[in-house]
């Protein structure tokens, strides 16, 4: 009995620490969680709101004096851990021991997560391909590069409010994926042609 109480006490201390750490991240680190209006005068709701994309300094060039700006999906990588940990606690029947804000945030994040992952992968692919293009090939891919930037002008207007933007967000994600896929395939095709010419 004493051993069981000790375990419960230790679990309680770990949960308290996790609650405090996650609450700090919700309010001060992760940029997309906001408190909505109170629901029928009872509980406020922690929801996701804000732009889908943000422009930030390139983390790979953090040591440079003037790092270049890059496009990022506005979804902190650690939010994926919040979702996994929340699912594990839900499976163990421990959700009632979590702060209300955290439960609401995790449920909202689950809705956004698939879109955030897909968009992040697409943007990452674009930047990777772009980094591989030699100056000689850049003019031959200018149209595809411009297509990406034109799409992103629309993307910068998107918001994470899925109740309003879900169809628009899905359509945008599909169009962006197709544009980047075409960009990558044309680059690969050009590389093959250059290699054939060099072998002649």
N, C-alpha and C. Protein backbone atom coordinates (compact mmCIF):
# COMPACT_ATOMS: atom_id res chain seq x y z
N UNK A 1 0.83 -1.21 0.00
CA UNK A 1 0.00 0.00 0.00
C UNK A 1 0.87 1.26 0.00
N UNK A 2 1.89 1.28 0.83
CA UNK A 2 2.79 2.44 0.89
C UNK A 2 3.52 2.63 -0.43
N UNK A 3 3.92 1.49 -1.04
CA UNK A 3 4.61 1.57 -2.33
C UNK A 3 3.68 2.13 -3.40
N UNK A 4 2.43 1.70 -3.39
CA UNK A 4 1.43 2.18 -4.36
C UNK A 4 1.22 3.69 -4.18
N UNK A 5 1.12 4.14 -2.96
CA UNK A 5 0.94 5.57 -2.70
C UNK A 5 2.15 6.38 -3.17
N UNK A 6 3.34 5.78 -3.00
CA UNK A 6 4.56 6.46 -3.43
C UNK A 6 4.57 6.63 -4.94
N UNK A 7 4.14 5.58 -5.65
CA UNK A 7 4.08 5.65 -7.11
C UNK A 7 3.08 6.72 -7.54
N UNK A 8 1.90 6.70 -6.91
CA UNK A 8 0.87 7.68 -7.25
C UNK A 8 1.37 9.11 -6.98
N UNK A 9 2.10 9.26 -5.87
CA UNK A 9 2.63 10.57 -5.53
C UNK A 9 3.63 11.05 -6.58
N UNK A 10 4.51 10.12 -7.02
CA UNK A 10 5.52 10.47 -8.03
C UNK A 10 4.87 10.81 -9.37
N UNK A 11 3.84 10.03 -9.72
CA UNK A 11 3.12 10.31 -10.97
C UNK A 11 2.46 11.68 -10.89
N UNK A 12 1.88 11.98 -9.72
CA UNK A 12 1.24 13.27 -9.53
C UNK A 12 2.23 14.42 -9.69
N UNK A 13 3.43 14.25 -9.15
CA UNK A 13 4.45 15.30 -9.24
C UNK A 13 4.89 15.48 -10.70
N UNK A 14 5.03 14.37 -11.42
CA UNK A 14 5.41 14.45 -12.83
C UNK A 14 4.33 15.14 -13.66
N UNK A 15 3.08 14.81 -13.36
CA UNK A 15 1.97 15.44 -14.08
C UNK A 15 1.90 16.94 -13.80
N UNK A 16 2.11 17.31 -12.54
CA UNK A 16 2.10 18.74 -12.19
C UNK A 16 3.18 19.49 -12.96
N UNK A 17 4.37 18.88 -13.03
CA UNK A 17 5.47 19.52 -13.75
C UNK A 17 5.16 19.61 -15.24
N UNK A 18 4.58 18.55 -15.78
CA UNK A 18 4.22 18.54 -17.21
C UNK A 18 3.15 19.58 -17.50
N UNK A 19 2.15 19.66 -16.62
CA UNK A 19 1.10 20.67 -16.79
C UNK A 19 1.67 22.08 -16.81
N UNK A 20 2.58 22.36 -15.89
CA UNK A 20 3.16 23.70 -15.80
C UNK A 20 4.01 24.01 -17.02
N UNK A 21 4.83 23.05 -17.43
CA UNK A 21 5.70 23.26 -18.59
C UNK A 21 4.88 23.46 -19.86
N UNK A 22 3.85 22.64 -20.04
CA UNK A 22 3.03 22.73 -21.24
C UNK A 22 2.21 24.02 -21.25
N UNK A 23 1.72 24.42 -20.11
CA UNK A 23 0.98 25.68 -20.02
C UNK A 23 1.87 26.86 -20.39
N UNK A 24 3.11 26.82 -19.93
CA UNK A 24 4.07 27.88 -20.31
C UNK A 24 4.25 27.92 -21.82
N UNK A 25 4.41 26.75 -22.45
CA UNK A 25 4.59 26.69 -23.90
C UNK A 25 3.36 27.21 -24.63
N UNK A 26 2.17 26.87 -24.13
CA UNK A 26 0.93 27.32 -24.77
C UNK A 26 0.85 28.84 -24.83
N UNK A 27 1.27 29.48 -23.76
CA UNK A 27 1.08 30.93 -23.66
C UNK A 27 2.29 31.75 -24.11
N UNK A 28 3.49 31.13 -24.12
CA UNK A 28 4.69 31.94 -24.35
C UNK A 28 5.61 31.45 -25.47
N UNK A 29 5.44 30.20 -25.92
CA UNK A 29 6.35 29.65 -26.92
C UNK A 29 5.64 29.35 -28.23
N UNK A 30 4.58 28.57 -28.16
CA UNK A 30 3.83 28.20 -29.36
C UNK A 30 2.93 29.37 -29.77
N UNK A 31 3.03 29.80 -31.00
CA UNK A 31 2.43 31.07 -31.41
C UNK A 31 0.99 30.95 -31.90
N UNK A 32 0.43 29.76 -31.96
CA UNK A 32 -0.87 29.62 -32.61
C UNK A 32 -2.03 29.34 -31.65
N UNK A 33 -1.75 29.25 -30.37
CA UNK A 33 -2.82 28.97 -29.41
C UNK A 33 -3.32 30.27 -28.77
N UNK A 34 -4.63 30.43 -28.79
CA UNK A 34 -5.23 31.65 -28.24
C UNK A 34 -6.50 31.27 -27.47
N UNK A 35 -6.84 32.08 -26.50
CA UNK A 35 -8.04 31.84 -25.70
C UNK A 35 -9.23 32.47 -26.39
N UNK A 36 -10.25 31.65 -26.65
CA UNK A 36 -11.45 32.15 -27.31
C UNK A 36 -12.44 32.67 -26.26
N UNK A 37 -13.59 33.09 -26.71
CA UNK A 37 -14.63 33.55 -25.80
C UNK A 37 -15.09 32.40 -24.92
N UNK A 38 -15.59 32.72 -23.73
CA UNK A 38 -16.08 31.67 -22.84
C UNK A 38 -17.32 31.02 -23.42
N UNK A 39 -17.39 29.72 -23.26
CA UNK A 39 -18.49 28.92 -23.80
C UNK A 39 -19.66 28.94 -22.82
N UNK A 40 -20.70 29.70 -23.15
CA UNK A 40 -21.91 29.78 -22.33
C UNK A 40 -21.60 30.14 -20.88
N UNK A 41 -20.59 30.99 -20.72
CA UNK A 41 -20.28 31.48 -19.38
C UNK A 41 -19.58 30.50 -18.48
N UNK A 42 -19.16 29.36 -19.01
CA UNK A 42 -18.54 28.35 -18.16
C UNK A 42 -17.03 28.30 -18.36
N UNK A 43 -16.59 27.71 -19.46
CA UNK A 43 -15.16 27.54 -19.70
C UNK A 43 -14.74 28.31 -20.94
N UNK A 44 -13.55 28.92 -20.88
CA UNK A 44 -12.99 29.46 -22.11
C UNK A 44 -12.39 28.30 -22.89
N UNK A 45 -12.16 28.50 -24.16
CA UNK A 45 -11.65 27.44 -25.03
C UNK A 45 -10.30 27.86 -25.59
N UNK A 46 -9.31 26.98 -25.47
CA UNK A 46 -8.01 27.23 -26.07
C UNK A 46 -8.07 26.73 -27.51
N UNK A 47 -7.99 27.65 -28.46
CA UNK A 47 -8.14 27.26 -29.87
C UNK A 47 -6.91 27.70 -30.66
N UNK A 48 -6.85 27.23 -31.90
CA UNK A 48 -5.74 27.57 -32.78
C UNK A 48 -6.19 28.68 -33.72
N UNK A 49 -5.38 29.70 -33.78
CA UNK A 49 -5.70 30.85 -34.62
C UNK A 49 -4.41 31.53 -35.03
N UNK A 50 -4.38 32.08 -36.22
CA UNK A 50 -3.18 32.78 -36.69
C UNK A 50 -2.85 32.39 -38.11
N UNK A 51 -1.86 33.05 -38.70
CA UNK A 51 -1.51 32.75 -40.10
C UNK A 51 -0.93 31.34 -40.25
N UNK A 52 -1.22 30.72 -41.38
CA UNK A 52 -0.67 29.39 -41.65
C UNK A 52 0.83 29.47 -41.91
N UNK A 53 1.27 30.54 -42.55
CA UNK A 53 2.68 30.71 -42.88
C UNK A 53 3.25 31.96 -42.21
N UNK A 54 4.52 31.88 -41.86
CA UNK A 54 5.25 33.04 -41.33
C UNK A 54 6.60 33.11 -42.03
N UNK A 55 7.18 34.29 -42.03
CA UNK A 55 8.52 34.49 -42.59
C UNK A 55 9.47 34.71 -41.42
N UNK A 56 10.55 33.95 -41.40
CA UNK A 56 11.47 34.00 -40.27
C UNK A 56 12.91 33.86 -40.76
N UNK A 57 13.86 34.08 -39.89
CA UNK A 57 15.27 33.92 -40.25
C UNK A 57 15.59 32.44 -40.44
N UNK A 58 16.42 32.15 -41.39
CA UNK A 58 16.80 30.77 -41.69
C UNK A 58 17.56 30.18 -40.50
N UNK A 59 17.01 29.13 -39.84
CA UNK A 59 17.70 28.54 -38.69
C UNK A 59 19.03 27.90 -39.05
N UNK A 60 19.20 27.52 -40.33
CA UNK A 60 20.46 26.91 -40.77
C UNK A 60 21.57 27.93 -40.95
N UNK A 61 21.19 29.21 -40.88
CA UNK A 61 22.19 30.27 -41.03
C UNK A 61 22.19 31.17 -39.81
N UNK A 62 21.91 30.59 -38.66
CA UNK A 62 21.77 31.37 -37.42
C UNK A 62 23.06 32.09 -37.02
N UNK A 63 24.21 31.54 -37.42
CA UNK A 63 25.49 32.14 -37.04
C UNK A 63 25.91 33.28 -37.96
N UNK A 64 25.19 33.43 -39.06
CA UNK A 64 25.52 34.51 -39.98
C UNK A 64 25.07 35.85 -39.42
N UNK A 65 25.79 36.89 -39.77
CA UNK A 65 25.47 38.22 -39.26
C UNK A 65 24.10 38.70 -39.75
N UNK A 66 23.79 38.37 -41.00
CA UNK A 66 22.51 38.78 -41.58
C UNK A 66 21.87 37.57 -42.26
N UNK A 67 21.29 36.63 -41.47
CA UNK A 67 20.75 35.40 -42.05
C UNK A 67 19.59 35.68 -43.00
N UNK A 68 19.48 34.89 -44.07
CA UNK A 68 18.38 35.10 -45.02
C UNK A 68 17.03 34.74 -44.41
N UNK A 69 15.98 35.30 -44.97
CA UNK A 69 14.63 35.00 -44.52
C UNK A 69 14.08 33.81 -45.29
N UNK A 70 13.32 32.97 -44.60
CA UNK A 70 12.70 31.81 -45.23
C UNK A 70 11.23 31.71 -44.81
N UNK A 71 10.50 30.98 -45.59
CA UNK A 71 9.09 30.74 -45.32
C UNK A 71 8.95 29.51 -44.44
N UNK A 72 8.08 29.59 -43.44
CA UNK A 72 7.84 28.45 -42.55
C UNK A 72 6.36 28.27 -42.31
N UNK A 73 5.96 27.04 -42.09
CA UNK A 73 4.60 26.77 -41.63
C UNK A 73 4.52 27.14 -40.16
N UNK A 74 3.50 27.87 -39.79
CA UNK A 74 3.34 28.39 -38.43
C UNK A 74 2.80 27.30 -37.50
N UNK A 75 3.66 26.33 -37.23
CA UNK A 75 3.28 25.19 -36.38
C UNK A 75 4.55 24.67 -35.73
N UNK A 76 4.75 25.00 -34.45
CA UNK A 76 5.98 24.65 -33.74
C UNK A 76 6.16 23.12 -33.70
N UNK A 77 7.36 22.62 -34.00
CA UNK A 77 7.59 21.17 -34.02
C UNK A 77 7.20 20.46 -32.73
N UNK A 78 7.36 21.14 -31.59
CA UNK A 78 7.06 20.50 -30.30
C UNK A 78 5.57 20.25 -30.09
N UNK A 79 4.72 20.87 -30.91
CA UNK A 79 3.28 20.64 -30.78
C UNK A 79 2.95 19.19 -31.14
N UNK A 80 3.75 18.60 -32.00
CA UNK A 80 3.56 17.18 -32.33
C UNK A 80 3.73 16.31 -31.08
N UNK A 81 4.69 16.69 -30.21
CA UNK A 81 4.88 15.96 -28.96
C UNK A 81 3.68 16.13 -28.03
N UNK A 82 3.11 17.34 -28.02
CA UNK A 82 1.91 17.56 -27.22
C UNK A 82 0.80 16.61 -27.63
N UNK A 83 0.61 16.46 -28.94
CA UNK A 83 -0.44 15.57 -29.44
C UNK A 83 -0.18 14.13 -29.02
N UNK A 84 1.06 13.66 -29.18
CA UNK A 84 1.41 12.28 -28.82
C UNK A 84 1.22 12.03 -27.32
N UNK A 85 1.68 12.99 -26.52
CA UNK A 85 1.58 12.83 -25.07
C UNK A 85 0.12 12.88 -24.62
N UNK A 86 -0.66 13.75 -25.24
CA UNK A 86 -2.08 13.83 -24.90
C UNK A 86 -2.79 12.53 -25.25
N UNK A 87 -2.48 11.95 -26.41
CA UNK A 87 -3.09 10.68 -26.81
C UNK A 87 -2.73 9.57 -25.84
N UNK A 88 -1.46 9.55 -25.39
CA UNK A 88 -1.03 8.53 -24.43
C UNK A 88 -1.78 8.67 -23.11
N UNK A 89 -1.94 9.90 -22.64
CA UNK A 89 -2.65 10.12 -21.39
C UNK A 89 -4.14 9.81 -21.53
N UNK A 90 -4.69 10.10 -22.69
CA UNK A 90 -6.09 9.75 -22.94
C UNK A 90 -6.27 8.24 -22.91
N UNK A 91 -5.31 7.51 -23.49
CA UNK A 91 -5.36 6.05 -23.49
C UNK A 91 -5.28 5.49 -22.07
N UNK A 92 -4.53 6.18 -21.21
CA UNK A 92 -4.36 5.74 -19.82
C UNK A 92 -5.45 6.27 -18.89
N UNK A 93 -6.39 7.03 -19.46
CA UNK A 93 -7.48 7.57 -18.66
C UNK A 93 -7.06 8.68 -17.71
N UNK A 94 -6.06 9.47 -18.12
CA UNK A 94 -5.52 10.50 -17.24
C UNK A 94 -5.88 11.92 -17.69
N UNK A 95 -6.76 12.05 -18.68
CA UNK A 95 -7.08 13.37 -19.20
C UNK A 95 -7.67 14.27 -18.13
N UNK A 96 -8.42 13.69 -17.21
CA UNK A 96 -9.05 14.50 -16.15
C UNK A 96 -8.03 15.18 -15.25
N UNK A 97 -6.79 14.71 -15.28
CA UNK A 97 -5.75 15.30 -14.45
C UNK A 97 -4.96 16.39 -15.18
N UNK A 98 -5.35 16.64 -16.44
CA UNK A 98 -4.69 17.69 -17.20
C UNK A 98 -5.44 19.00 -17.06
N UNK A 99 -4.74 20.09 -17.22
CA UNK A 99 -5.40 21.39 -17.21
C UNK A 99 -6.34 21.49 -18.40
N UNK A 100 -7.44 22.19 -18.21
CA UNK A 100 -8.46 22.32 -19.25
C UNK A 100 -7.88 22.93 -20.52
N UNK A 101 -7.03 23.95 -20.37
CA UNK A 101 -6.42 24.61 -21.53
C UNK A 101 -5.62 23.62 -22.36
N UNK A 102 -4.91 22.73 -21.70
CA UNK A 102 -4.06 21.78 -22.41
C UNK A 102 -4.90 20.80 -23.22
N UNK A 103 -5.98 20.29 -22.63
CA UNK A 103 -6.85 19.36 -23.35
C UNK A 103 -7.44 20.02 -24.58
N UNK A 104 -7.92 21.25 -24.43
CA UNK A 104 -8.50 21.96 -25.57
C UNK A 104 -7.48 22.23 -26.65
N UNK A 105 -6.27 22.60 -26.25
CA UNK A 105 -5.21 22.88 -27.21
C UNK A 105 -4.81 21.62 -27.97
N UNK A 106 -4.71 20.51 -27.25
CA UNK A 106 -4.31 19.26 -27.90
C UNK A 106 -5.36 18.80 -28.91
N UNK A 107 -6.63 18.93 -28.56
CA UNK A 107 -7.70 18.53 -29.48
C UNK A 107 -7.70 19.41 -30.73
N UNK A 108 -7.48 20.71 -30.54
CA UNK A 108 -7.40 21.62 -31.69
C UNK A 108 -6.18 21.30 -32.55
N UNK A 109 -5.07 21.00 -31.90
CA UNK A 109 -3.84 20.69 -32.63
C UNK A 109 -3.98 19.43 -33.47
N UNK A 110 -4.75 18.46 -32.97
CA UNK A 110 -4.97 17.23 -33.74
C UNK A 110 -5.65 17.51 -35.08
N UNK A 111 -6.54 18.49 -35.11
CA UNK A 111 -7.22 18.84 -36.35
C UNK A 111 -6.26 19.48 -37.36
N UNK A 112 -5.38 20.31 -36.86
CA UNK A 112 -4.47 21.07 -37.72
C UNK A 112 -3.27 20.23 -38.17
N UNK A 113 -2.84 19.30 -37.33
CA UNK A 113 -1.59 18.58 -37.52
C UNK A 113 -1.39 17.98 -38.92
N UNK A 114 -2.34 17.24 -39.48
CA UNK A 114 -2.10 16.65 -40.81
C UNK A 114 -1.82 17.70 -41.88
N UNK A 115 -2.52 18.83 -41.81
CA UNK A 115 -2.30 19.90 -42.77
C UNK A 115 -0.93 20.54 -42.57
N UNK A 116 -0.54 20.74 -41.32
CA UNK A 116 0.76 21.35 -41.02
C UNK A 116 1.91 20.47 -41.51
N UNK A 117 1.79 19.16 -41.31
CA UNK A 117 2.84 18.24 -41.75
C UNK A 117 2.97 18.24 -43.27
N UNK A 118 1.83 18.16 -43.96
CA UNK A 118 1.85 18.13 -45.42
C UNK A 118 2.44 19.41 -46.00
N UNK A 119 2.02 20.55 -45.47
CA UNK A 119 2.53 21.83 -45.97
C UNK A 119 4.02 21.99 -45.66
N UNK A 120 4.43 21.58 -44.47
CA UNK A 120 5.85 21.67 -44.09
C UNK A 120 6.72 20.83 -45.02
N UNK A 121 6.27 19.62 -45.32
CA UNK A 121 7.02 18.75 -46.23
C UNK A 121 7.15 19.38 -47.61
N UNK A 122 6.07 19.99 -48.09
CA UNK A 122 6.09 20.61 -49.42
C UNK A 122 7.04 21.80 -49.46
N UNK A 123 6.96 22.67 -48.45
CA UNK A 123 7.84 23.84 -48.40
C UNK A 123 9.29 23.40 -48.27
N UNK A 124 9.53 22.40 -47.44
CA UNK A 124 10.90 21.90 -47.25
C UNK A 124 11.45 21.34 -48.56
N UNK A 125 10.62 20.64 -49.33
CA UNK A 125 11.04 20.10 -50.62
C UNK A 125 11.42 21.22 -51.58
N UNK A 126 10.60 22.28 -51.60
CA UNK A 126 10.91 23.41 -52.48
C UNK A 126 12.28 24.00 -52.16
N UNK A 127 12.53 24.25 -50.88
CA UNK A 127 13.80 24.88 -50.50
C UNK A 127 14.98 23.95 -50.77
N UNK A 128 14.77 22.65 -50.59
CA UNK A 128 15.85 21.70 -50.87
C UNK A 128 16.19 21.70 -52.36
N UNK A 129 15.17 21.59 -53.21
CA UNK A 129 15.42 21.60 -54.65
C UNK A 129 16.06 22.92 -55.08
N UNK A 130 15.54 24.01 -54.54
CA UNK A 130 16.06 25.33 -54.90
C UNK A 130 17.55 25.45 -54.56
N UNK A 131 17.95 24.84 -53.44
CA UNK A 131 19.35 24.91 -53.01
C UNK A 131 20.27 24.10 -53.91
N UNK A 132 19.70 23.15 -54.68
CA UNK A 132 20.50 22.28 -55.53
C UNK A 132 20.69 22.85 -56.94
N UNK A 133 19.97 23.89 -57.27
CA UNK A 133 19.98 24.41 -58.63
C UNK A 133 21.21 25.30 -58.86
N UNK A 134 21.95 24.98 -59.87
CA UNK A 134 23.13 25.78 -60.20
C UNK A 134 22.70 27.07 -60.87
N UNK A 135 23.54 28.10 -60.83
CA UNK A 135 23.20 29.38 -61.47
C UNK A 135 22.86 29.23 -62.95
N UNK A 136 23.50 28.25 -63.62
CA UNK A 136 23.25 28.05 -65.04
C UNK A 136 21.83 27.54 -65.32
N UNK A 137 21.27 26.80 -64.37
CA UNK A 137 19.94 26.23 -64.56
C UNK A 137 18.82 27.13 -64.06
N UNK A 138 19.15 28.10 -63.24
CA UNK A 138 18.11 28.95 -62.64
C UNK A 138 17.19 29.61 -63.65
N UNK A 139 17.73 30.17 -64.77
CA UNK A 139 16.81 30.77 -65.75
C UNK A 139 15.81 29.79 -66.35
N UNK A 140 16.22 28.53 -66.46
CA UNK A 140 15.35 27.51 -67.06
C UNK A 140 14.24 27.08 -66.10
N UNK A 141 14.37 27.43 -64.84
CA UNK A 141 13.35 27.08 -63.85
C UNK A 141 12.67 28.33 -63.28
N UNK A 142 12.89 29.45 -63.93
CA UNK A 142 12.33 30.72 -63.42
C UNK A 142 10.81 30.69 -63.39
N UNK A 143 10.19 30.10 -64.40
CA UNK A 143 8.72 30.07 -64.45
C UNK A 143 8.16 29.26 -63.29
N UNK A 144 8.77 28.12 -62.99
CA UNK A 144 8.31 27.28 -61.89
C UNK A 144 8.55 27.96 -60.53
N UNK A 145 9.67 28.66 -60.43
CA UNK A 145 9.95 29.40 -59.19
C UNK A 145 8.91 30.49 -58.98
N UNK A 146 8.58 31.18 -60.07
CA UNK A 146 7.55 32.23 -59.99
C UNK A 146 6.19 31.66 -59.63
N UNK A 147 5.88 30.48 -60.15
CA UNK A 147 4.60 29.83 -59.83
C UNK A 147 4.50 29.58 -58.33
N UNK A 148 5.59 29.11 -57.74
CA UNK A 148 5.60 28.86 -56.29
C UNK A 148 5.35 30.16 -55.53
N UNK A 149 6.05 31.21 -55.91
CA UNK A 149 5.89 32.49 -55.21
C UNK A 149 4.50 33.08 -55.39
N UNK A 150 3.91 32.88 -56.56
CA UNK A 150 2.54 33.34 -56.79
C UNK A 150 1.56 32.61 -55.88
N UNK A 151 1.75 31.29 -55.77
CA UNK A 151 0.89 30.51 -54.87
C UNK A 151 1.05 30.97 -53.43
N UNK A 152 2.28 31.27 -53.04
CA UNK A 152 2.53 31.66 -51.66
C UNK A 152 1.94 33.03 -51.32
N UNK A 153 1.72 33.85 -52.34
CA UNK A 153 1.02 35.12 -52.08
C UNK A 153 -0.38 34.84 -51.55
N UNK A 154 -1.02 33.82 -52.11
CA UNK A 154 -2.34 33.39 -51.60
C UNK A 154 -2.18 32.69 -50.25
N UNK A 155 -1.13 31.89 -50.12
CA UNK A 155 -0.91 31.15 -48.88
C UNK A 155 -0.71 32.05 -47.68
N UNK A 156 -0.11 33.21 -47.89
CA UNK A 156 0.13 34.14 -46.78
C UNK A 156 -1.17 34.74 -46.25
N UNK A 157 -2.24 34.57 -46.98
CA UNK A 157 -3.55 35.08 -46.54
C UNK A 157 -4.34 34.04 -45.76
N UNK A 158 -3.84 32.81 -45.73
CA UNK A 158 -4.57 31.73 -45.06
C UNK A 158 -4.41 31.80 -43.55
N UNK A 159 -5.46 31.37 -42.86
CA UNK A 159 -5.49 31.35 -41.40
C UNK A 159 -5.78 29.93 -40.94
N UNK A 160 -5.36 29.61 -39.70
CA UNK A 160 -5.58 28.26 -39.18
C UNK A 160 -7.02 28.02 -38.74
N UNK A 161 -7.92 28.94 -38.90
CA UNK A 161 -9.30 28.74 -38.50
C UNK A 161 -9.95 27.73 -39.45
N UNK A 162 -9.86 26.45 -39.09
CA UNK A 162 -10.29 25.38 -40.00
C UNK A 162 -11.80 25.37 -40.23
N UNK A 163 -12.57 25.86 -39.28
CA UNK A 163 -14.02 25.87 -39.47
C UNK A 163 -14.41 26.73 -40.67
N UNK A 164 -13.58 27.73 -40.96
CA UNK A 164 -13.86 28.63 -42.07
C UNK A 164 -13.06 28.24 -43.31
N UNK A 165 -11.80 27.84 -43.10
CA UNK A 165 -10.86 27.72 -44.20
C UNK A 165 -10.52 26.29 -44.62
N UNK A 166 -11.20 25.27 -44.10
CA UNK A 166 -10.77 23.90 -44.34
C UNK A 166 -10.71 23.55 -45.83
N UNK A 167 -11.75 23.89 -46.60
CA UNK A 167 -11.75 23.55 -48.03
C UNK A 167 -10.72 24.37 -48.78
N UNK A 168 -10.62 25.65 -48.41
CA UNK A 168 -9.63 26.52 -49.05
C UNK A 168 -8.22 26.03 -48.74
N UNK A 169 -7.98 25.60 -47.50
CA UNK A 169 -6.67 25.12 -47.09
C UNK A 169 -6.31 23.82 -47.82
N UNK A 170 -7.27 22.91 -47.94
CA UNK A 170 -7.03 21.65 -48.64
C UNK A 170 -6.72 21.89 -50.12
N UNK A 171 -7.47 22.79 -50.75
CA UNK A 171 -7.23 23.10 -52.16
C UNK A 171 -5.86 23.73 -52.35
N UNK A 172 -5.50 24.65 -51.45
CA UNK A 172 -4.20 25.29 -51.54
C UNK A 172 -3.07 24.27 -51.37
N UNK A 173 -3.21 23.39 -50.38
CA UNK A 173 -2.19 22.38 -50.13
C UNK A 173 -1.97 21.48 -51.34
N UNK A 174 -3.06 21.11 -52.01
CA UNK A 174 -2.95 20.26 -53.20
C UNK A 174 -2.26 21.01 -54.34
N UNK A 175 -2.64 22.28 -54.54
CA UNK A 175 -2.03 23.08 -55.61
C UNK A 175 -0.54 23.31 -55.35
N UNK A 176 -0.20 23.58 -54.08
CA UNK A 176 1.21 23.81 -53.74
C UNK A 176 2.03 22.55 -53.95
N UNK A 177 1.48 21.40 -53.54
CA UNK A 177 2.18 20.13 -53.73
C UNK A 177 2.43 19.88 -55.20
N UNK A 178 1.40 20.09 -56.04
CA UNK A 178 1.54 19.85 -57.48
C UNK A 178 2.59 20.77 -58.09
N UNK A 179 2.61 22.03 -57.66
CA UNK A 179 3.58 22.99 -58.20
C UNK A 179 5.01 22.60 -57.82
N UNK A 180 5.21 22.20 -56.57
CA UNK A 180 6.55 21.83 -56.11
C UNK A 180 6.99 20.51 -56.74
N UNK A 181 6.04 19.58 -56.89
CA UNK A 181 6.36 18.31 -57.54
C UNK A 181 6.81 18.54 -58.98
N UNK A 182 6.12 19.41 -59.70
CA UNK A 182 6.50 19.74 -61.08
C UNK A 182 7.87 20.42 -61.10
N UNK A 183 8.11 21.29 -60.15
CA UNK A 183 9.39 21.99 -60.03
C UNK A 183 10.53 20.99 -59.84
N UNK A 184 10.32 20.04 -58.95
CA UNK A 184 11.35 19.03 -58.68
C UNK A 184 11.60 18.14 -59.89
N UNK A 185 10.51 17.71 -60.57
CA UNK A 185 10.66 16.83 -61.71
C UNK A 185 11.33 17.54 -62.89
N UNK A 186 11.01 18.81 -63.11
CA UNK A 186 11.68 19.54 -64.18
C UNK A 186 13.16 19.71 -63.87
N UNK A 187 13.49 19.97 -62.62
CA UNK A 187 14.90 20.08 -62.22
C UNK A 187 15.63 18.77 -62.51
N UNK A 188 15.04 17.66 -62.12
CA UNK A 188 15.67 16.36 -62.34
C UNK A 188 15.85 16.10 -63.84
N UNK A 189 14.84 16.46 -64.63
CA UNK A 189 14.92 16.27 -66.07
C UNK A 189 16.05 17.11 -66.67
N UNK A 190 16.19 18.35 -66.22
CA UNK A 190 17.26 19.21 -66.70
C UNK A 190 18.64 18.65 -66.34
N UNK A 191 18.75 18.13 -65.13
CA UNK A 191 20.02 17.54 -64.69
C UNK A 191 20.39 16.36 -65.58
N UNK A 192 19.41 15.51 -65.90
CA UNK A 192 19.67 14.36 -66.78
C UNK A 192 20.13 14.82 -68.16
N UNK A 193 19.49 15.85 -68.68
CA UNK A 193 19.86 16.36 -70.00
C UNK A 193 21.27 16.93 -70.00
N UNK A 194 21.61 17.66 -68.95
CA UNK A 194 22.96 18.22 -68.84
C UNK A 194 24.00 17.11 -68.77
N UNK A 195 23.69 16.07 -68.02
CA UNK A 195 24.62 14.95 -67.90
C UNK A 195 24.84 14.25 -69.25
N UNK A 196 23.76 14.13 -70.02
CA UNK A 196 23.89 13.50 -71.35
C UNK A 196 24.76 14.35 -72.27
N UNK A 197 24.57 15.67 -72.20
CA UNK A 197 25.36 16.57 -73.04
C UNK A 197 26.84 16.47 -72.66
N UNK A 198 27.10 16.41 -71.36
CA UNK A 198 28.49 16.35 -70.90
C UNK A 198 29.17 15.05 -71.30
N UNK A 199 28.37 13.99 -71.48
CA UNK A 199 28.93 12.68 -71.84
C UNK A 199 29.21 12.57 -73.34
N UNK A 200 28.65 13.50 -74.12
CA UNK A 200 28.86 13.43 -75.57
C UNK A 200 30.29 13.82 -75.95
